[in-house]
C-alpha atoms as a PDB file:
ATOM      1  CA  MET A   1       0.000   0.000   0.000  1.00  0.00           C
ATOM      2  CA  ALA A   2       1.335   3.415  -0.959  1.00  0.00           C
ATOM      3  CA  ARG A   3       2.058   5.871   1.829  1.00  0.00           C
ATOM      4  CA  LEU A   4       1.431   8.881  -0.398  1.00  0.00           C
ATOM      5  CA  PRO A   5      -1.539   9.157  -2.705  1.00  0.00           C
ATOM      6  CA  GLU A   6      -0.655   9.305  -6.379  1.00  0.00           C
ATOM      7  CA  VAL A   7      -1.702  12.619  -7.864  1.00  0.00           C
ATOM      8  CA  ASN A   8      -3.228  12.384 -11.328  1.00  0.00           C
ATOM      9  CA  VAL A   9      -0.289  13.766 -13.309  1.00  0.00           C
ATOM     10  CA  GLU A  10       1.534  12.316 -16.280  1.00  0.00           C
ATOM     11  CA  GLY A  11       4.755  10.478 -15.623  1.00  0.00           C
ATOM     12  CA  THR A  12       6.266   7.804 -13.460  1.00  0.00           C
ATOM     13  CA  PRO A  13       4.875   6.699 -10.096  1.00  0.00           C
ATOM     14  CA  PHE A  14       7.779   8.652  -8.553  1.00  0.00           C
ATOM     15  CA  ASN A  15       6.605  11.843 -10.281  1.00  0.00           C
ATOM     16  CA  LYS A  16       3.043  11.155  -9.139  1.00  0.00           C
ATOM     17  CA  ALA A  17       4.222  10.867  -5.546  1.00  0.00           C
ATOM     18  CA  LEU A  18       6.319  14.037  -5.857  1.00  0.00           C
ATOM     19  CA  ALA A  19       3.260  15.860  -7.207  1.00  0.00           C
ATOM     20  CA  ASN A  20       1.949  15.924  -3.630  1.00  0.00           C
ATOM     21  CA  ALA A  21       4.476  18.757  -3.176  1.00  0.00           C
ATOM     22  CA  PRO A  22       4.402  20.691  -6.468  1.00  0.00           C
ATOM     23  CA  GLU A  23       7.468  22.791  -5.615  1.00  0.00           C
ATOM     24  CA  ILE A  24       9.530  19.634  -5.118  1.00  0.00           C
ATOM     25  CA  LEU A  25       8.209  18.122  -8.348  1.00  0.00           C
ATOM     26  CA  GLU A  26       9.140  21.294 -10.243  1.00  0.00           C
ATOM     27  CA  ALA A  27      12.662  21.311  -8.771  1.00  0.00           C
ATOM     28  CA  PHE A  28      13.118  17.621  -9.590  1.00  0.00           C
ATOM     29  CA  GLN A  29      11.959  18.141 -13.171  1.00  0.00           C
ATOM     30  CA  GLN A  30      14.365  21.066 -13.603  1.00  0.00           C
ATOM     31  CA  MET A  31      17.241  18.967 -12.278  1.00  0.00           C
ATOM     32  CA  ASP A  32      16.312  16.034 -14.524  1.00  0.00           C
ATOM     33  CA  LYS A  33      16.116  18.299 -17.578  1.00  0.00           C
ATOM     34  CA  ALA A  34      19.508  19.877 -16.794  1.00  0.00           C
ATOM     35  CA  LEU A  35      21.159  16.466 -16.339  1.00  0.00           C
ATOM     36  CA  ASN A  36      19.626  15.172 -19.573  1.00  0.00           C
ATOM     37  CA  ASN A  37      21.063  18.187 -21.387  1.00  0.00           C
ATOM     38  CA  ILE A  38      24.633  17.515 -20.240  1.00  0.00           C
ATOM     39  CA  LEU A  39      24.845  13.728 -19.829  1.00  0.00           C
ATOM     40  CA  GLU A  40      24.531  11.060 -22.494  1.00  0.00           C
ATOM     41  CA  PRO A  41      21.389   8.882 -22.308  1.00  0.00           C
ATOM     42  CA  GLU A  42      23.447   5.752 -21.574  1.00  0.00           C
ATOM     43  CA  LEU A  43      25.089   7.428 -18.579  1.00  0.00           C
ATOM     44  CA  MET A  44      21.712   8.661 -17.279  1.00  0.00           C
ATOM     45  CA  GLU A  45      20.359   5.117 -17.431  1.00  0.00           C
ATOM     46  CA  MET A  46      23.447   3.776 -15.634  1.00  0.00           C
ATOM     47  CA  LEU A  47      22.890   6.381 -12.896  1.00  0.00           C
ATOM     48  CA  ARG A  48      19.237   5.346 -12.554  1.00  0.00           C
ATOM     49  CA  LEU A  49      20.190   1.674 -12.333  1.00  0.00           C
ATOM     50  CA  ARG A  50      22.899   2.339  -9.742  1.00  0.00           C
ATOM     51  CA  SER A  51      20.566   4.499  -7.656  1.00  0.00           C
ATOM     52  CA  ALA A  52      17.874   1.822  -7.782  1.00  0.00           C
ATOM     53  CA  SER A  53      20.377  -0.872  -6.823  1.00  0.00           C
ATOM     54  CA  ASN A  54      21.765   1.169  -3.944  1.00  0.00           C
ATOM     55  CA  ASN A  55      18.222   1.654  -2.619  1.00  0.00           C
ATOM     56  CA  GLY A  56      17.196  -1.984  -2.998  1.00  0.00           C
ATOM     57  CA  CYS A  57      14.698  -1.139  -5.747  1.00  0.00           C
ATOM     58  CA  ASP A  58      13.931  -3.630  -8.536  1.00  0.00           C
ATOM     59  CA  TYR A  59      14.094  -1.030 -11.301  1.00  0.00           C
END
């Protein structure tokens, strides 16, 4: 059972959870956009996989 309700916004379940605090969602989206502009897609995916692994998430 989710601890935070998912807000009806487009995107991943993570984005839907962040949408409970719109200012945090906006900051996260800005950071994600900036990283995507400077890092290659393969490196971004490796970062996501490593972060998921470090947090015990089956990404």
